[in-house]
C-alpha cells in the first residue's frame, strides 16, 4: 500500500458569515395595525433564511420557539430549524395564515406577525412596504391587502401573482384595499417609530 504526501494542505475557502435579517419593526407601544413589522428575505430558501431572522429577533422579543407560515411561496417548509443552541419548530397552515405573513411565537412572551416581502421585490417597493408595515399610525391592513395597496398605488407588482377576487376578499377582511396605506414619500421618516436591521 502506498500513500501520497502533499507538501501543503489544499486551500480552504473561508465560510462567509450569515447575512443579517432585513427587518423593519414597530417599537413598543400601542398599535392599530395588524402587523408588527416586515421581513424582506434574500431568497425563498426558508431553512436558510429563518436562522438569521430568529437570531435577530431573539434578543429583542425573547427566544422565538415557533414559527408558522403559509407554504404558497415557499418550496420547502422545514419542521424544525436549529438556531444557536435551540430548536425552533416551524409549521405551515394554508387557509389560516395569509400567504404574505409570518407568525412568530415566543414562549411566555408573545406573538408577532410580520409582512413577508418577496425576495425579488425591488428596493424602493421593499422600503415602502417596510415603512407601511412598521408604522404605528397606519390603517389596519392584512399583509396581502398591504401588498395589493402598494401595487395599486405604484403599479409595481411585488408578489408572484396578484390575488384573485376571492383571495383578496378573504385577506382584506371583506373590505376593499386601501391604497392610501402606502406612503408616497421615499425620504427618511422623522419619527423614531421603527427599528431597521440589516438593510
Protein backbone atom coordinates (compact mmCIF):
# COMPACT_ATOMS: atom_id res chain seq x y z
CA UNK A 1 0.00 0.00 0.00
CA UNK A 2 1.35 3.44 -0.88
CA UNK A 3 0.49 6.90 0.38
CA UNK A 4 0.62 10.19 -1.44
CA UNK A 5 2.05 13.06 0.57
CA UNK A 6 1.26 16.68 -0.23
CA UNK A 7 3.69 19.39 0.87
CA UNK A 8 0.82 21.73 1.86
CA UNK A 9 -2.83 21.28 2.63
CA UNK A 10 -5.34 22.26 -0.04
CA UNK A 11 -6.58 25.85 0.15
CA UNK A 12 -9.89 26.09 2.01
CA UNK A 13 -12.20 28.99 1.29
CA UNK A 14 -13.43 30.77 4.44
CA UNK A 15 -17.11 30.37 5.18
CA UNK A 16 -18.97 33.65 4.84
CA UNK A 17 -20.80 34.92 7.89
CA UNK A 18 -24.57 34.69 7.53
CA UNK A 19 -26.21 37.89 6.38
CA UNK A 20 -28.26 39.86 8.87
CA UNK A 21 -32.02 39.76 8.52
CA UNK A 22 -33.61 42.70 6.70
CA UNK A 23 -36.33 43.90 9.07
CA UNK A 24 -38.46 46.89 9.96
CA UNK A 25 -40.21 46.52 13.31
CA UNK A 26 -42.65 48.57 15.30
CA UNK A 27 -41.26 49.79 18.58
CA UNK A 28 -43.03 49.01 21.83
CA UNK A 29 -46.35 50.74 22.33
CA UNK A 30 -49.96 50.60 21.30
CA UNK A 31 -50.54 49.72 17.68
CA UNK A 32 -53.62 49.95 15.47
CA UNK A 33 -52.20 47.72 12.77
CA UNK A 34 -52.48 44.00 12.16
CA UNK A 35 -48.73 43.68 11.58
CA UNK A 36 -45.75 44.15 13.88
CA UNK A 37 -43.33 44.91 11.08
CA UNK A 38 -41.90 43.48 7.87
CA UNK A 39 -39.25 40.96 6.86
CA UNK A 40 -37.52 41.01 3.45
CA UNK A 41 -35.75 37.65 3.00
CA UNK A 42 -32.97 37.33 0.43
CA UNK A 43 -34.32 34.09 -1.08
CA UNK A 44 -37.19 31.59 -0.98
CA UNK A 45 -34.99 29.10 0.88
CA UNK A 46 -36.85 29.14 4.19
CA UNK A 47 -34.50 26.71 6.00
CA UNK A 48 -31.59 29.06 5.23
CA UNK A 49 -33.46 32.33 5.85
CA UNK A 50 -35.11 31.59 9.21
CA UNK A 51 -31.96 31.26 11.37
CA UNK A 52 -30.82 34.83 10.63
CA UNK A 53 -34.33 36.14 11.36
CA UNK A 54 -34.55 34.26 14.68
CA UNK A 55 -31.01 35.34 15.69
CA UNK A 56 -32.02 38.95 15.19
CA UNK A 57 -35.37 38.68 16.99
CA UNK A 58 -34.37 36.54 19.99
CA UNK A 59 -32.67 39.40 21.90
CA UNK A 60 -35.48 41.82 21.01
CA UNK A 61 -38.58 39.71 21.64
CA UNK A 62 -37.40 36.79 23.74
CA UNK A 63 -36.48 33.35 22.46
CA UNK A 64 -38.56 32.51 19.39
CA UNK A 65 -39.90 28.96 19.85
CA UNK A 66 -42.39 28.53 16.99
CA UNK A 67 -42.95 29.93 13.53
CA UNK A 68 -45.99 29.45 11.29
CA UNK A 69 -46.18 30.26 7.59
CA UNK A 70 -48.42 29.68 4.60
CA UNK A 71 -46.46 27.39 2.20
CA UNK A 72 -47.73 29.06 -1.01
CA UNK A 73 -44.48 30.90 -1.81
CA UNK A 74 -42.01 28.57 -0.06
CA UNK A 75 -40.77 25.47 -1.95
CA UNK A 76 -39.64 23.82 1.30
CA UNK A 77 -41.03 24.39 4.80
CA UNK A 78 -38.84 22.67 7.40
CA UNK A 79 -40.35 21.10 10.53
CA UNK A 80 -37.55 22.38 12.75
CA UNK A 81 -34.73 24.91 12.40
CA UNK A 82 -31.68 24.85 14.70
CA UNK A 83 -30.65 28.33 15.87
CA UNK A 84 -27.75 28.97 18.24
CA UNK A 85 -28.29 26.05 20.59
CA UNK A 86 -32.05 25.80 20.47
CA UNK A 87 -34.59 24.45 18.01
CA UNK A 88 -37.45 26.48 16.52
CA UNK A 89 -40.47 24.47 15.42
CA UNK A 90 -41.95 25.51 12.08
CA UNK A 91 -45.50 24.78 10.99
CA UNK A 92 -47.48 25.60 7.89
CA UNK A 93 -51.16 26.40 7.61
CA UNK A 94 -52.77 27.06 4.24
CA UNK A 95 -56.19 28.61 4.90
CA UNK A 96 -55.45 30.10 8.33
CA UNK A 97 -52.40 32.23 7.52
CA UNK A 98 -52.13 34.99 4.94
CA UNK A 99 -49.53 33.89 2.33
CA UNK A 100 -47.65 37.18 2.84
CA UNK A 101 -47.40 36.85 6.63
CA UNK A 102 -45.08 35.07 9.05
CA UNK A 103 -46.31 34.33 12.57
CA UNK A 104 -43.71 34.12 15.35
CA UNK A 105 -44.27 32.88 18.89
CA UNK A 106 -42.05 33.29 21.92
CA UNK A 107 -42.95 31.04 24.85
CA UNK A 108 -44.45 33.13 27.63
CA UNK A 109 -43.63 36.41 25.89
CA UNK A 110 -45.97 36.92 22.96
CA UNK A 111 -46.91 36.63 19.33
CA UNK A 112 -45.81 38.77 16.38
CA UNK A 113 -47.00 38.97 12.79
CA UNK A 114 -44.58 40.11 10.09
CA UNK A 115 -45.29 41.05 6.49
CA UNK A 116 -43.11 38.90 4.22
CA UNK A 117 -41.83 40.99 1.34
CA UNK A 118 -40.98 38.69 -1.60
CA UNK A 119 -37.19 38.40 -2.10
CA UNK A 120 -37.42 39.55 -5.72
CA UNK A 121 -39.04 42.86 -4.72
CA UNK A 122 -37.15 45.99 -5.77
CA UNK A 123 -35.52 48.12 -3.08
CA UNK A 124 -37.93 51.07 -3.48
CA UNK A 125 -41.02 48.87 -3.14
CA UNK A 126 -39.49 46.97 -0.22
CA UNK A 127 -38.69 50.23 1.58
CA UNK A 128 -42.28 51.48 1.12
CA UNK A 129 -43.72 48.19 2.37
CA UNK A 130 -41.37 48.06 5.35
CA UNK A 131 -42.29 51.62 6.29
CA UNK A 132 -46.02 50.93 5.97
CA UNK A 133 -45.90 47.64 7.94
CA UNK A 134 -43.95 49.23 10.81
CA UNK A 135 -45.98 52.46 11.01
CA UNK A 136 -47.92 52.78 14.28
CA UNK A 137 -50.48 55.12 12.71
CA UNK A 138 -51.09 53.14 9.52
CA UNK A 139 -54.50 51.65 8.73
CA UNK A 140 -55.14 48.12 9.99
CA UNK A 141 -54.49 46.13 6.81
CA UNK A 142 -53.62 42.49 6.40
CA UNK A 143 -50.32 41.55 4.78
CA UNK A 144 -51.91 40.72 1.40
CA UNK A 145 -54.00 43.90 1.47
CA UNK A 146 -50.85 45.94 2.09
CA UNK A 147 -49.12 44.24 -0.86
CA UNK A 148 -52.17 44.86 -3.10
CA UNK A 149 -52.37 48.50 -2.00
CA UNK A 150 -48.72 49.11 -2.88
CA UNK A 151 -49.21 47.52 -6.29
CA UNK A 152 -52.35 49.57 -6.95
CA UNK A 153 -50.74 52.84 -5.87
CA UNK A 154 -47.35 52.40 -7.52
CA UNK A 155 -48.10 49.96 -10.35
CA UNK A 156 -45.25 47.66 -9.34
CA UNK A 157 -46.03 44.03 -8.76
CA UNK A 158 -44.19 42.70 -5.73
CA UNK A 159 -45.91 39.34 -5.50
CA UNK A 160 -45.52 36.26 -7.65
CA UNK A 161 -49.06 36.74 -8.88
CA UNK A 162 -51.91 39.07 -7.97
CA UNK A 163 -54.56 37.72 -5.64
CA UNK A 164 -57.80 36.54 -7.20
CA UNK A 165 -61.05 38.29 -6.20
CA UNK A 166 -61.98 35.61 -3.65
CA UNK A 167 -58.49 35.63 -2.08
CA UNK A 168 -58.42 39.43 -1.93
CA UNK A 169 -61.84 39.48 -0.28
CA UNK A 170 -60.74 36.92 2.33
CA UNK A 171 -57.40 38.52 3.19
CA UNK A 172 -58.79 42.05 3.28
CA UNK A 173 -61.44 41.03 5.76
CA UNK A 174 -64.18 41.65 3.21
CA UNK A 175 -63.15 45.26 2.64
CA UNK A 176 -61.54 46.83 -0.45
CA UNK A 177 -57.81 47.55 -0.40
CA UNK A 178 -56.84 50.95 0.90
CA UNK A 179 -54.26 52.46 -1.47
CA UNK A 180 -53.57 55.28 0.98
CA UNK A 181 -51.89 52.77 3.31
CA UNK A 182 -48.63 53.06 1.41
CA UNK A 183 -46.76 56.32 1.97
CA UNK A 184 -45.80 58.13 -1.22
CA UNK A 185 -42.68 59.86 0.10
CA UNK A 186 -39.42 57.95 -0.03
CA UNK A 187 -37.38 60.23 2.24
CA UNK A 188 -36.36 59.36 5.80
CA UNK A 189 -39.14 59.41 8.35
CA UNK A 190 -38.64 61.90 11.17
CA UNK A 191 -40.47 59.75 13.75
CA UNK A 192 -38.41 57.13 15.57
CA UNK A 193 -41.16 54.53 15.45
CA UNK A 194 -39.31 51.65 13.87
CA UNK A 195 -36.15 49.66 14.06
CA UNK A 196 -34.46 48.73 10.78
CA UNK A 197 -31.92 45.93 10.86
CA UNK A 198 -29.65 44.61 8.13
CA UNK A 199 -30.68 46.85 5.24
